[in-house]
């Protein structure tokens, strides 16, 4: 075991990371939730999840515009 696991450090799962990124994107975070999530998040997780969420958002907007423009 590594030192972080021995000291009781929590690691955030993929769903928790996505919830954190999505709530940050929309700006709806409570301080208590932020502090709890920040304890288990790693910067790499947040960066990758942020890139995925933004890419999905941009693709959704492009698809919507193309759908509306066709009609």
N, C-alpha and C. Protein backbone atom coordinates (compact mmCIF):
# COMPACT_ATOMS: atom_id res chain seq x y z
N UNK A 1 0.84 -1.19 0.00
CA UNK A 1 0.00 0.00 0.00
C UNK A 1 0.88 1.25 0.00
N UNK A 2 0.35 2.28 -0.62
CA UNK A 2 1.11 3.53 -0.61
C UNK A 2 0.79 4.33 0.65
N UNK A 3 1.54 5.37 0.87
CA UNK A 3 1.39 6.15 2.10
C UNK A 3 0.03 6.83 2.18
N UNK A 4 -0.52 7.28 1.04
CA UNK A 4 -1.82 7.95 1.04
C UNK A 4 -2.94 7.02 1.46
N UNK A 5 -2.90 5.77 1.00
CA UNK A 5 -3.93 4.80 1.35
C UNK A 5 -3.83 4.43 2.83
N UNK A 6 -2.62 4.40 3.37
CA UNK A 6 -2.44 4.05 4.77
C UNK A 6 -2.94 5.15 5.69
N UNK A 7 -2.88 6.38 5.25
CA UNK A 7 -3.31 7.49 6.10
C UNK A 7 -4.80 7.76 5.96
N UNK A 8 -5.55 6.97 5.15
CA UNK A 8 -6.98 7.15 5.01
C UNK A 8 -7.37 8.17 3.94
N UNK A 9 -6.46 8.46 3.04
CA UNK A 9 -6.75 9.43 1.98
C UNK A 9 -7.76 8.81 1.02
N UNK A 10 -8.82 9.55 0.75
CA UNK A 10 -9.83 9.09 -0.20
C UNK A 10 -9.43 9.48 -1.60
N UNK A 11 -9.74 8.62 -2.56
CA UNK A 11 -9.51 8.94 -3.96
C UNK A 11 -10.88 9.07 -4.61
N UNK A 12 -11.02 10.09 -5.43
CA UNK A 12 -12.29 10.33 -6.10
C UNK A 12 -12.47 9.35 -7.25
N UNK A 13 -13.68 8.84 -7.38
CA UNK A 13 -14.01 7.97 -8.51
C UNK A 13 -14.41 8.80 -9.72
N UNK A 14 -14.58 8.14 -10.86
CA UNK A 14 -14.92 8.87 -12.09
C UNK A 14 -16.22 9.66 -12.00
N UNK A 15 -17.23 9.09 -11.36
CA UNK A 15 -18.51 9.81 -11.24
C UNK A 15 -18.39 11.04 -10.36
N UNK A 16 -17.61 10.94 -9.31
CA UNK A 16 -17.42 12.09 -8.43
C UNK A 16 -16.65 13.19 -9.15
N UNK A 17 -15.68 12.80 -9.95
CA UNK A 17 -14.91 13.80 -10.72
C UNK A 17 -15.83 14.49 -11.72
N UNK A 18 -16.66 13.71 -12.43
CA UNK A 18 -17.58 14.31 -13.41
C UNK A 18 -18.59 15.22 -12.72
N UNK A 19 -19.08 14.81 -11.56
CA UNK A 19 -20.03 15.66 -10.81
C UNK A 19 -19.36 16.96 -10.42
N UNK A 20 -18.13 16.90 -10.00
CA UNK A 20 -17.39 18.09 -9.61
C UNK A 20 -17.18 19.02 -10.80
N UNK A 21 -16.78 18.46 -11.94
CA UNK A 21 -16.52 19.28 -13.12
C UNK A 21 -17.82 19.90 -13.64
N UNK A 22 -18.89 19.11 -13.70
CA UNK A 22 -20.17 19.65 -14.19
C UNK A 22 -20.73 20.73 -13.27
N UNK A 23 -20.63 20.53 -11.98
CA UNK A 23 -21.13 21.55 -11.06
C UNK A 23 -20.28 22.81 -11.13
N UNK A 24 -18.99 22.66 -11.37
CA UNK A 24 -18.12 23.83 -11.53
C UNK A 24 -18.45 24.56 -12.84
N UNK A 25 -18.77 23.79 -13.87
CA UNK A 25 -19.13 24.39 -15.16
C UNK A 25 -20.38 25.26 -15.03
N UNK A 26 -21.36 24.78 -14.28
CA UNK A 26 -22.60 25.53 -14.10
C UNK A 26 -22.55 26.49 -12.92
N UNK A 27 -21.53 26.39 -12.10
CA UNK A 27 -21.36 27.33 -11.00
C UNK A 27 -22.25 27.07 -9.80
N UNK A 28 -22.63 25.82 -9.58
CA UNK A 28 -23.49 25.49 -8.45
C UNK A 28 -22.76 24.55 -7.50
N UNK A 29 -21.98 25.11 -6.60
CA UNK A 29 -21.22 24.32 -5.64
C UNK A 29 -21.43 24.90 -4.25
N UNK A 30 -21.58 24.01 -3.30
CA UNK A 30 -21.61 24.43 -1.90
C UNK A 30 -20.19 24.29 -1.36
N UNK A 31 -19.84 25.14 -0.45
CA UNK A 31 -18.48 25.12 0.10
C UNK A 31 -18.15 23.77 0.72
N UNK A 32 -19.09 23.20 1.45
CA UNK A 32 -18.83 21.92 2.11
C UNK A 32 -18.56 20.82 1.07
N UNK A 33 -19.35 20.78 0.00
CA UNK A 33 -19.15 19.78 -1.04
C UNK A 33 -17.81 19.99 -1.74
N UNK A 34 -17.46 21.25 -1.96
CA UNK A 34 -16.18 21.54 -2.60
C UNK A 34 -15.01 21.04 -1.76
N UNK A 35 -15.07 21.30 -0.48
CA UNK A 35 -13.99 20.87 0.41
C UNK A 35 -13.89 19.35 0.48
N UNK A 36 -15.05 18.67 0.51
CA UNK A 36 -15.03 17.21 0.55
C UNK A 36 -14.46 16.63 -0.74
N UNK A 37 -14.88 17.19 -1.87
CA UNK A 37 -14.41 16.68 -3.16
C UNK A 37 -12.93 17.00 -3.38
N UNK A 38 -12.51 18.17 -2.98
CA UNK A 38 -11.13 18.59 -3.21
C UNK A 38 -10.14 17.68 -2.50
N UNK A 39 -10.55 17.07 -1.42
CA UNK A 39 -9.65 16.21 -0.66
C UNK A 39 -9.25 14.97 -1.46
N UNK A 40 -10.12 14.47 -2.32
CA UNK A 40 -9.82 13.24 -3.05
C UNK A 40 -9.49 13.43 -4.51
N UNK A 41 -9.55 14.65 -5.00
CA UNK A 41 -9.31 14.90 -6.42
C UNK A 41 -7.83 15.10 -6.71
N UNK A 42 -7.43 14.63 -7.87
CA UNK A 42 -6.08 14.90 -8.36
C UNK A 42 -6.22 15.83 -9.56
N UNK A 43 -5.27 16.73 -9.76
CA UNK A 43 -5.37 17.68 -10.88
C UNK A 43 -5.52 17.00 -12.24
N UNK A 44 -4.86 15.90 -12.44
CA UNK A 44 -4.96 15.19 -13.71
C UNK A 44 -6.37 14.72 -14.00
N UNK A 45 -7.05 14.23 -12.96
CA UNK A 45 -8.43 13.79 -13.11
C UNK A 45 -9.32 14.94 -13.55
N UNK A 46 -9.15 16.08 -12.92
CA UNK A 46 -9.99 17.23 -13.20
C UNK A 46 -9.72 17.75 -14.61
N UNK A 47 -8.48 17.79 -15.03
CA UNK A 47 -8.13 18.28 -16.36
C UNK A 47 -8.73 17.39 -17.44
N UNK A 48 -8.56 16.08 -17.30
CA UNK A 48 -9.09 15.15 -18.30
C UNK A 48 -10.62 15.22 -18.34
N UNK A 49 -11.26 15.24 -17.18
CA UNK A 49 -12.72 15.32 -17.14
C UNK A 49 -13.20 16.65 -17.73
N UNK A 50 -12.50 17.73 -17.46
CA UNK A 50 -12.87 19.04 -18.01
C UNK A 50 -12.78 19.06 -19.52
N UNK A 51 -11.73 18.47 -20.07
CA UNK A 51 -11.58 18.40 -21.53
C UNK A 51 -12.70 17.58 -22.15
N UNK A 52 -13.05 16.47 -21.52
CA UNK A 52 -14.14 15.62 -22.03
C UNK A 52 -15.47 16.35 -21.99
N UNK A 53 -15.76 17.01 -20.89
CA UNK A 53 -17.03 17.72 -20.75
C UNK A 53 -17.13 18.87 -21.75
N UNK A 54 -16.08 19.65 -21.90
CA UNK A 54 -16.10 20.78 -22.83
C UNK A 54 -16.22 20.28 -24.27
N UNK A 55 -15.51 19.21 -24.61
CA UNK A 55 -15.61 18.66 -25.96
C UNK A 55 -17.02 18.16 -26.25
N UNK A 56 -17.63 17.48 -25.29
CA UNK A 56 -19.01 17.01 -25.47
C UNK A 56 -19.97 18.18 -25.60
N UNK A 57 -19.76 19.24 -24.85
CA UNK A 57 -20.61 20.43 -24.91
C UNK A 57 -20.50 21.10 -26.28
N UNK A 58 -19.29 21.25 -26.77
CA UNK A 58 -19.07 21.88 -28.08
C UNK A 58 -19.69 21.02 -29.19
N UNK A 59 -19.49 19.71 -29.13
CA UNK A 59 -20.08 18.82 -30.13
C UNK A 59 -21.61 18.86 -30.09
N UNK A 60 -22.18 18.96 -28.91
CA UNK A 60 -23.63 19.05 -28.79
C UNK A 60 -24.15 20.35 -29.42
N UNK A 61 -23.45 21.44 -29.20
CA UNK A 61 -23.86 22.72 -29.79
C UNK A 61 -23.74 22.66 -31.31
N UNK A 62 -22.66 22.12 -31.83
CA UNK A 62 -22.48 22.00 -33.28
C UNK A 62 -23.58 21.12 -33.88
N UNK A 63 -23.89 20.00 -33.25
CA UNK A 63 -24.95 19.12 -33.74
C UNK A 63 -26.29 19.82 -33.72
N UNK A 64 -26.57 20.57 -32.67
CA UNK A 64 -27.84 21.29 -32.57
C UNK A 64 -27.96 22.35 -33.66
N UNK A 65 -26.89 23.09 -33.88
CA UNK A 65 -26.91 24.13 -34.92
C UNK A 65 -27.10 23.51 -36.30
N UNK A 66 -26.43 22.41 -36.57
CA UNK A 66 -26.60 21.74 -37.86
C UNK A 66 -28.02 21.21 -38.02
N UNK A 67 -28.57 20.69 -36.95
CA UNK A 67 -29.95 20.18 -36.99
C UNK A 67 -30.94 21.31 -37.27
N UNK A 68 -30.76 22.45 -36.63
CA UNK A 68 -31.66 23.58 -36.82
C UNK A 68 -31.46 24.20 -38.21
N UNK A 69 -30.22 24.25 -38.67
CA UNK A 69 -29.93 24.86 -39.97
C UNK A 69 -30.49 24.03 -41.12
N UNK A 70 -30.61 22.73 -40.96
CA UNK A 70 -31.15 21.87 -42.01
C UNK A 70 -32.63 22.16 -42.22
N UNK A 71 -33.35 22.44 -41.18
CA UNK A 71 -34.79 22.67 -41.30
C UNK A 71 -35.07 24.00 -41.80
